[in-house]
N, C-alpha and C. Protein backbone atom coordinates (compact mmCIF):
# COMPACT_ATOMS: atom_id res chain seq x y z
N MET A 1 204.86 153.04 147.85
CA MET A 1 204.55 153.50 146.62
C MET A 1 202.44 152.76 146.36
N PRO A 2 202.38 151.38 146.87
CA PRO A 2 201.09 150.45 146.95
C PRO A 2 200.91 151.24 148.07
N GLY A 3 201.48 152.02 149.32
CA GLY A 3 199.98 152.69 150.26
C GLY A 3 199.44 153.75 149.82
N ASP A 4 199.89 154.92 148.56
CA ASP A 4 199.64 156.31 147.74
C ASP A 4 198.22 155.24 147.20
N TYR A 5 198.55 154.16 146.64
CA TYR A 5 197.73 153.68 145.14
C TYR A 5 197.04 152.75 146.19
N GLN A 6 196.92 152.45 147.56
CA GLN A 6 195.11 152.14 147.74
C GLN A 6 194.88 153.84 148.11
N ALA A 7 194.99 153.72 148.73
CA ALA A 7 194.38 155.47 149.30
C ALA A 7 193.71 155.74 148.65
N PHE A 8 195.04 156.50 147.27
CA PHE A 8 193.73 156.72 146.00
C PHE A 8 192.45 155.10 145.43
N LEU A 9 192.79 154.40 145.80
CA LEU A 9 191.86 153.47 144.83
C LEU A 9 190.85 153.67 145.75
N LYS A 10 191.03 153.86 147.74
CA LYS A 10 189.96 153.90 148.60
C LYS A 10 189.34 155.38 148.22
N GLU A 11 190.47 156.07 147.96
CA GLU A 11 189.26 157.77 147.32
C GLU A 11 188.52 158.14 146.79
N TYR A 12 189.08 157.09 145.34
CA TYR A 12 188.34 156.86 144.14
C TYR A 12 186.93 155.93 144.52
N GLN A 13 187.11 155.20 145.59
CA GLN A 13 185.85 154.11 144.90
C GLN A 13 184.30 154.82 145.66
N GLN A 14 184.99 155.81 146.88
CA GLN A 14 184.23 156.86 147.64
C GLN A 14 183.98 157.28 146.68
N ASN A 15 184.10 158.20 146.37
CA ASN A 15 184.52 159.28 144.90
C ASN A 15 182.81 158.27 144.56
N LEU A 16 183.16 157.82 143.96
CA LEU A 16 182.62 156.83 142.43
C LEU A 16 180.88 156.79 143.59
N ALA A 17 180.85 155.95 144.41
CA ALA A 17 179.85 155.36 145.13
C ALA A 17 178.70 157.12 145.42
N GLU A 18 178.75 158.14 145.90
CA GLU A 18 179.39 159.54 146.25
C GLU A 18 178.64 160.13 144.67
N PHE A 19 179.23 159.40 144.05
CA PHE A 19 178.69 160.11 142.34
C PHE A 19 177.20 159.51 141.94
N ASN A 20 178.04 157.74 142.13
CA ASN A 20 176.19 157.14 142.42
C ASN A 20 175.06 157.51 142.54
N LYS A 21 175.04 158.01 143.57
CA LYS A 21 174.70 158.34 144.68
C LYS A 21 173.96 159.81 144.10
N GLU A 22 174.55 159.91 143.88
CA GLU A 22 173.53 161.55 143.75
C GLU A 22 173.11 161.15 142.35
N TRP A 23 173.94 160.79 141.35
CA TRP A 23 173.38 160.67 139.67
C TRP A 23 171.96 160.32 140.04
N ASN A 24 171.57 159.08 141.15
CA ASN A 24 170.26 157.89 141.00
C ASN A 24 169.03 158.59 141.43
N GLN A 25 169.85 159.82 141.77
CA GLN A 25 168.89 161.51 142.90
C GLN A 25 167.97 161.61 141.21
N VAL A 26 169.08 162.12 141.09
CA VAL A 26 168.59 163.03 139.81
C VAL A 26 168.28 162.55 138.91
N ARG A 27 168.94 161.41 138.02
CA ARG A 27 167.76 160.49 137.49
C ARG A 27 166.66 160.27 138.42
N ARG A 28 166.26 159.68 139.25
CA ARG A 28 164.95 159.06 139.79
C ARG A 28 164.04 161.22 139.50
N GLU A 29 164.61 161.87 139.91
CA GLU A 29 163.19 162.83 139.75
C GLU A 29 163.03 163.43 138.35
N PHE A 30 164.39 163.07 137.53
CA PHE A 30 164.22 163.20 136.42
C PHE A 30 163.63 163.12 135.59
N GLU A 31 163.05 161.43 136.32
CA GLU A 31 162.30 160.33 135.52
C GLU A 31 160.93 160.91 136.31
N GLN A 32 160.75 161.25 137.29
CA GLN A 32 159.58 161.51 137.53
C GLN A 32 158.98 162.50 136.97
N ALA A 33 159.93 163.83 136.74
CA ALA A 33 159.12 164.85 136.21
C ALA A 33 158.72 164.74 135.00
N ASP A 34 159.50 164.19 134.46
CA ASP A 34 158.83 163.06 132.37
C ASP A 34 158.00 162.56 132.41
N LYS A 35 157.69 161.60 134.12
CA LYS A 35 155.94 161.52 133.48
C LYS A 35 154.75 161.55 134.27
N GLU A 36 155.23 163.46 134.75
CA GLU A 36 154.46 164.47 135.00
C GLU A 36 153.89 164.79 134.00
N TYR A 37 155.47 165.49 133.06
CA TYR A 37 155.10 166.02 131.53
C TYR A 37 154.22 165.53 130.41
N ARG A 38 154.51 164.16 130.58
CA ARG A 38 153.87 163.09 129.82
C ARG A 38 152.21 163.34 130.41
N LYS A 39 152.58 163.03 131.37
CA LYS A 39 150.93 163.46 131.65
C LYS A 39 149.94 164.32 131.19
N GLU A 40 150.39 165.17 131.22
CA GLU A 40 149.68 166.42 131.47
C GLU A 40 149.91 166.55 129.72
N LEU A 41 150.94 166.65 129.15
CA LEU A 41 150.70 166.17 128.07
C LEU A 41 150.23 165.47 126.98
N LYS A 42 149.54 164.82 126.96
CA LYS A 42 148.32 163.32 127.14
C LYS A 42 147.27 163.80 127.49
N GLU A 43 147.00 164.75 128.97
CA GLU A 43 145.88 165.56 128.67
C GLU A 43 145.58 166.65 127.72
N LEU A 44 146.28 167.51 127.03
CA LEU A 44 146.01 168.09 126.15
C LEU A 44 146.32 167.88 124.92
N ARG A 45 146.52 167.15 125.15
CA ARG A 45 146.38 166.82 123.49
C ARG A 45 144.92 165.81 123.38
N ARG A 46 144.46 165.53 124.41
CA ARG A 46 142.55 165.00 124.12
C ARG A 46 142.01 166.67 124.20
N LYS A 47 142.60 167.85 125.42
CA LYS A 47 141.97 168.62 125.72
C LYS A 47 142.13 168.98 123.88
N ASN A 48 142.46 169.45 123.02
CA ASN A 48 142.65 169.40 122.32
C ASN A 48 142.08 168.82 120.75
N ALA A 49 141.80 167.31 121.10
CA ALA A 49 141.51 166.61 120.01
C ALA A 49 139.75 167.36 119.69
N SER A 50 138.92 167.12 120.99
CA SER A 50 137.43 167.56 121.48
C SER A 50 137.19 169.15 121.02
N LEU A 51 138.28 169.90 120.93
CA LEU A 51 138.15 170.91 120.34
C LEU A 51 137.49 170.60 118.44
N PHE A 52 138.30 170.17 117.61
CA PHE A 52 137.50 169.60 116.31
C PHE A 52 137.56 168.63 116.06
N LYS A 53 135.93 168.52 117.27
CA LYS A 53 135.27 166.73 116.88
C LYS A 53 134.41 167.54 116.19
């Protein structure tokens, strides 16, 4: 039984490491998209405000 536990633990740790790697990639992509979106939104607000001067 301890051997099964060790194998399970090793597989679990590998799966967790892979998940974290994928999650970090998705998070970076989201943060980049969010940054671009906020930049565009700021520009649109600036243009919109200039229409009402």
